[in-house]
Amino acid sequence: MTEAASQTLVHLSTNLVGGTLAAQSVVAKLLKIGNIVSSSSVYKRYLSSARVDINSNIEVVFRFKTECAADELLWHFRQYSAEKKEKLQLLVFDELLVLAPQITLPNPSLHTDLLVVRCAAEAWPDYEHPIIQKSLREIAAQSPPPLDSQFFLQGKTLVDF
């Protein structure tokens, strides 16, 4: 990667059942278009109040460096998750501010979804939200803990395989 590479935050979500292998497959594809700088822990998010494993996702946020433009990166995301249950979401692309029907950057989940806030703060704690004007570390510290999730495994498990 050259100095012209863009810094991004990418949220990956997939079903718990078979999710580790599916997430590793997505990571392998991401590594073809950039580098993972850091990763949050992987969390299990329960999708119902019954807290049943079969009805849950695993979720992680990566700090990702790429030479792709934002629209090209989104195209890759659609390709990687087109027929699968994995969901890739662009949270941040450098300091880019976008409010369009197709995409909002920074993504509103970056400060509204308690699990995404926690994961993003692990992956890039010093990133300053351009609208809120606080670092992700500060936003996470001021947010209540997510009650619908729990630690699942180390993020490096998805990257070092």
Protein backbone atom coordinates (compact mmCIF):
# COMPACT_ATOMS: atom_id res chain seq x y z
CA MET A 1 0.00 0.00 0.00
CA THR A 2 1.19 3.49 -0.75
CA GLU A 3 0.73 6.62 1.31
CA ALA A 4 -2.32 7.41 -0.85
CA ALA A 5 -4.22 4.52 0.73
CA SER A 6 -7.46 5.40 2.50
CA GLN A 7 -8.26 4.48 6.08
CA THR A 8 -11.65 2.91 6.63
CA LEU A 9 -13.70 1.15 9.26
CA VAL A 10 -15.58 -1.92 8.05
CA HIS A 11 -18.29 -3.75 10.02
CA LEU A 12 -18.72 -7.47 9.28
CA SER A 13 -21.76 -9.39 10.49
CA THR A 14 -22.65 -13.02 9.77
CA ASN A 15 -24.63 -15.87 11.28
CA LEU A 16 -23.05 -17.53 14.29
CA VAL A 17 -23.58 -20.99 12.80
CA GLY A 18 -20.69 -21.39 10.36
CA GLY A 19 -19.85 -17.74 10.86
CA THR A 20 -16.19 -18.06 11.75
CA LEU A 21 -15.35 -19.80 8.47
CA ALA A 22 -17.59 -17.43 6.51
CA ALA A 23 -15.94 -14.41 8.15
CA GLN A 24 -12.47 -15.79 7.39
CA SER A 25 -13.51 -16.19 3.75
CA VAL A 26 -14.59 -12.53 3.60
CA VAL A 27 -11.34 -11.46 5.27
CA ALA A 28 -9.33 -13.39 2.66
CA LYS A 29 -11.18 -11.47 -0.06
CA LEU A 30 -10.64 -8.14 1.70
CA LEU A 31 -6.91 -8.83 1.88
CA LYS A 32 -6.82 -8.87 -1.93
CA ILE A 33 -7.81 -5.18 -2.04
CA GLY A 34 -6.12 -3.82 1.08
CA ASN A 35 -4.66 -4.47 4.51
CA ILE A 36 -6.31 -4.98 7.86
CA VAL A 37 -4.58 -2.58 10.23
CA SER A 38 -6.44 -3.68 13.37
CA SER A 39 -9.49 -5.60 14.46
CA SER A 40 -11.95 -5.44 17.29
CA SER A 41 -12.85 -8.48 19.30
CA VAL A 42 -15.55 -10.65 17.76
CA TYR A 43 -18.87 -10.44 19.58
CA LYS A 44 -21.91 -12.64 19.52
CA ARG A 45 -25.10 -10.58 19.11
CA TYR A 46 -28.36 -12.23 20.09
CA LEU A 47 -31.19 -11.40 17.71
CA SER A 48 -33.96 -12.20 20.17
CA SER A 49 -34.52 -11.80 23.88
CA ALA A 50 -34.40 -15.61 24.27
CA ARG A 51 -30.61 -15.38 23.75
CA VAL A 52 -30.46 -18.58 21.69
CA ASP A 53 -27.20 -19.25 19.82
CA ILE A 54 -28.93 -20.45 16.68
CA ASN A 55 -30.58 -17.04 16.42
CA SER A 56 -27.48 -14.87 16.74
CA ASN A 57 -24.74 -13.25 14.68
CA ILE A 58 -21.04 -12.72 15.11
CA GLU A 59 -19.86 -9.17 14.52
CA VAL A 60 -16.48 -7.49 14.22
CA VAL A 61 -15.07 -4.16 13.01
CA PHE A 62 -11.82 -3.87 11.06
CA ARG A 63 -9.66 -0.84 10.51
CA PHE A 64 -8.88 -1.34 6.84
CA LYS A 65 -6.41 0.42 4.57
CA THR A 66 -7.11 0.35 0.84
CA GLU A 67 -6.29 2.15 -2.38
CA CYS A 68 -9.86 1.61 -3.62
CA ALA A 69 -12.16 4.60 -3.93
CA ALA A 70 -15.28 4.52 -1.72
CA ASP A 71 -17.63 3.49 -4.53
CA GLU A 72 -15.23 0.76 -5.67
CA LEU A 73 -14.97 -0.55 -2.12
CA LEU A 74 -18.77 -0.68 -1.86
CA TRP A 75 -18.87 -2.63 -5.13
CA HIS A 76 -16.47 -5.19 -3.65
CA PHE A 77 -18.62 -5.43 -0.52
CA ARG A 78 -21.68 -6.25 -2.63
CA GLN A 79 -19.70 -8.93 -4.49
CA TYR A 80 -18.42 -10.51 -1.27
CA SER A 81 -21.85 -10.79 0.28
CA ALA A 82 -24.07 -11.18 -2.80
CA GLU A 83 -25.11 -14.80 -2.26
CA LYS A 84 -24.13 -15.20 1.36
CA LYS A 85 -25.51 -14.11 4.68
CA GLU A 86 -22.47 -12.00 5.47
CA LYS A 87 -23.04 -8.29 5.65
CA LEU A 88 -20.25 -5.77 5.11
CA GLN A 89 -20.93 -2.19 6.08
CA LEU A 90 -18.66 0.77 5.45
CA LEU A 91 -18.62 2.87 8.62
CA VAL A 92 -15.88 5.39 7.80
CA PHE A 93 -13.88 6.30 4.71
CA ASP A 94 -11.10 8.72 5.65
CA GLU A 95 -12.72 12.02 6.63
CA LEU A 96 -15.36 11.73 3.92
CA LEU A 97 -18.80 13.14 4.78
CA VAL A 98 -21.64 11.82 2.60
CA LEU A 99 -25.38 12.05 2.99
CA ALA A 100 -26.96 10.24 0.05
CA PRO A 101 -29.68 7.63 -0.42
CA GLN A 102 -27.05 4.99 -1.26
CA ILE A 103 -24.70 5.68 1.66
CA THR A 104 -24.18 7.89 4.67
CA LEU A 105 -20.64 8.46 5.93
CA PRO A 106 -19.76 8.29 8.69
CA ASN A 107 -22.38 5.59 9.04
CA PRO A 108 -24.98 6.42 11.74
CA SER A 109 -24.27 3.01 13.35
CA LEU A 110 -20.90 4.41 14.33
CA HIS A 111 -22.52 6.31 17.19
CA THR A 112 -26.01 4.78 17.55
CA ASP A 113 -25.44 1.00 17.63
CA LEU A 114 -23.89 0.19 21.01
CA LEU A 115 -22.06 -2.91 19.78
CA VAL A 116 -20.70 -1.19 16.67
CA VAL A 117 -19.54 1.74 18.85
CA ARG A 118 -17.64 -0.66 21.12
CA CYS A 119 -16.09 -2.61 18.23
CA ALA A 120 -15.13 0.52 16.29
CA ALA A 121 -13.49 1.99 19.40
CA GLU A 122 -11.41 -1.19 19.75
CA ALA A 123 -10.32 -1.09 16.11
CA TRP A 124 -9.57 2.65 15.86
CA PRO A 125 -9.91 4.38 19.26
CA ASP A 126 -8.36 7.70 18.15
CA TYR A 127 -10.61 8.23 15.12
CA GLU A 128 -12.43 11.50 15.66
CA HIS A 129 -16.03 11.50 14.49
CA PRO A 130 -16.21 14.58 12.21
CA ILE A 131 -19.74 15.53 13.26
CA ILE A 132 -19.77 14.65 16.96
CA GLN A 133 -16.14 15.85 17.30
CA LYS A 134 -15.21 13.16 19.82
CA SER A 135 -12.93 10.18 19.45
CA LEU A 136 -14.45 6.72 19.22
CA ARG A 137 -12.81 6.00 22.58
CA GLU A 138 -14.77 8.91 24.13
CA ILE A 139 -18.03 7.94 22.42
CA ALA A 140 -17.70 4.33 23.64
CA ALA A 141 -16.82 5.44 27.18
CA GLN A 142 -19.98 7.57 27.31
CA SER A 143 -22.20 4.81 25.88
CA PRO A 144 -23.87 2.12 27.97
CA PRO A 145 -22.64 -1.44 27.37
CA PRO A 146 -24.52 -3.41 24.72
CA LEU A 147 -26.83 -5.81 26.55
CA ASP A 148 -27.68 -7.95 23.52
CA SER A 149 -24.13 -9.21 22.96
CA GLN A 150 -21.12 -10.87 24.55
CA PHE A 151 -17.47 -11.51 23.74
CA PHE A 152 -17.07 -14.46 21.36
CA LEU A 153 -13.41 -14.63 20.30
CA GLN A 154 -10.29 -12.60 19.56
CA GLY A 155 -10.45 -10.64 16.32
CA LYS A 156 -7.03 -11.91 15.24
CA THR A 157 -8.62 -15.37 14.91
CA LEU A 158 -10.38 -14.12 11.78
CA VAL A 159 -7.27 -12.49 10.36
CA ASP A 160 -4.51 -15.01 11.25
CA PHE A 161 -5.73 -18.28 9.78
